[in-house]
Protein backbone atom coordinates (compact mmCIF):
# COMPACT_ATOMS: atom_id res chain seq x y z
CA MET A 1 0.00 -0.05 0.14
CA SER A 2 1.42 3.30 -0.95
CA VAL A 3 2.16 6.03 1.68
CA ARG A 4 -0.68 8.31 0.30
CA LEU A 5 -3.22 5.40 0.89
CA LYS A 6 -2.05 4.53 4.22
CA ILE A 7 -2.38 8.23 5.16
CA ILE A 8 -5.88 8.43 3.73
CA GLU A 9 -6.89 5.22 5.37
CA ALA A 10 -5.53 6.26 8.95
CA ILE A 11 -7.45 9.73 8.48
CA THR A 12 -10.63 7.99 7.76
CA GLU A 13 -10.16 5.47 10.77
CA ILE A 14 -9.48 8.29 13.19
CA ALA A 15 -12.30 10.39 12.00
CA GLN A 16 -14.72 7.55 12.51
CA GLU A 17 -13.15 7.02 15.96
CA GLN A 18 -13.25 10.78 16.89
CA HIS A 19 -16.87 11.04 15.40
CA VAL A 20 -15.80 13.45 12.86
CA LYS A 21 -17.57 13.83 9.69
CA LEU A 22 -14.85 14.43 6.77
CA PRO A 23 -15.27 16.66 3.60
CA PRO A 24 -13.73 14.69 0.52
CA LEU A 25 -10.01 14.43 1.06
CA THR A 26 -8.46 16.28 -1.82
CA ASP A 27 -4.73 17.55 -1.99
CA ASP A 28 -5.94 20.99 -1.73
CA LEU A 29 -8.34 20.62 1.44
CA SER A 30 -7.05 22.69 4.37
CA LEU A 31 -6.19 20.38 7.28
CA HIS A 32 -8.20 23.08 9.26
CA GLU A 33 -11.14 21.85 7.24
CA THR A 34 -10.96 18.26 7.93
CA GLY A 35 -12.64 18.93 11.30
CA PHE A 36 -9.74 17.19 13.22
CA ASP A 37 -8.71 18.77 16.31
CA SER A 38 -5.13 18.95 17.80
CA LEU A 39 -5.72 15.47 19.50
CA ALA A 40 -6.85 13.92 16.35
CA PHE A 41 -3.77 15.31 14.51
CA ALA A 42 -1.31 13.93 17.42
CA ILE A 43 -3.10 10.46 17.09
CA LEU A 44 -2.58 10.62 13.33
CA VAL A 45 0.96 11.34 13.35
CA ALA A 46 1.66 8.82 16.14
CA ARG A 47 -0.58 6.09 14.12
CA LEU A 48 1.60 6.87 11.00
CA GLU A 49 4.92 6.65 12.67
CA ASP A 50 3.89 3.27 14.23
CA GLU A 51 2.72 1.98 10.85
CA ILE A 52 5.33 3.75 8.35
CA GLY A 53 8.01 4.05 10.84
CA ILE A 54 8.80 7.89 10.46
CA ASP A 55 7.75 11.26 11.66
CA PRO A 56 8.67 13.74 9.35
CA PHE A 57 8.06 16.79 11.73
CA THR A 58 10.51 15.51 14.32
CA ILE A 59 13.42 14.32 12.06
CA SER A 60 14.01 17.61 10.25
CA GLU A 61 14.95 20.98 11.94
CA GLU A 62 13.23 22.67 8.80
CA ALA A 63 10.01 20.82 9.17
CA ALA A 64 6.77 22.93 9.21
CA PHE A 65 3.62 21.56 9.88
CA PRO A 66 1.66 21.39 6.32
CA ALA A 67 -1.50 23.19 5.55
CA THR A 68 -3.21 21.08 3.18
CA ILE A 69 -3.81 17.36 2.73
CA GLY A 70 -1.41 17.18 -0.35
CA ASP A 71 0.99 19.16 1.83
CA PHE A 72 0.76 16.48 4.68
CA VAL A 73 1.07 13.34 2.30
CA ARG A 74 4.13 15.11 0.70
CA ALA A 75 5.82 15.42 4.13
CA TYR A 76 5.69 11.76 4.46
CA GLU A 77 6.69 10.79 1.00
CA ASN A 78 9.60 13.34 0.81
CA VAL A 79 11.43 11.89 3.84
CA PRO A 80 15.10 11.01 2.71
CA ALA A 81 15.78 7.20 3.00
């Protein structure tokens, strides 16, 4: 499964667990518009670290939190090997 699909799957699962009604997850959707609060994002990043084995927001001194779904996915896809 691709990184993108793992992220979308995790977002969908967490939304169901947190009772969040998600809009369509397009690359240009603002993360603020997902309905996730800070706890849901913390769960997402922790879950992805467990599943994918990386947290792009702690391994780079220059990492900034992404603004859109597409930015979020690219943060994971662009982690140096």
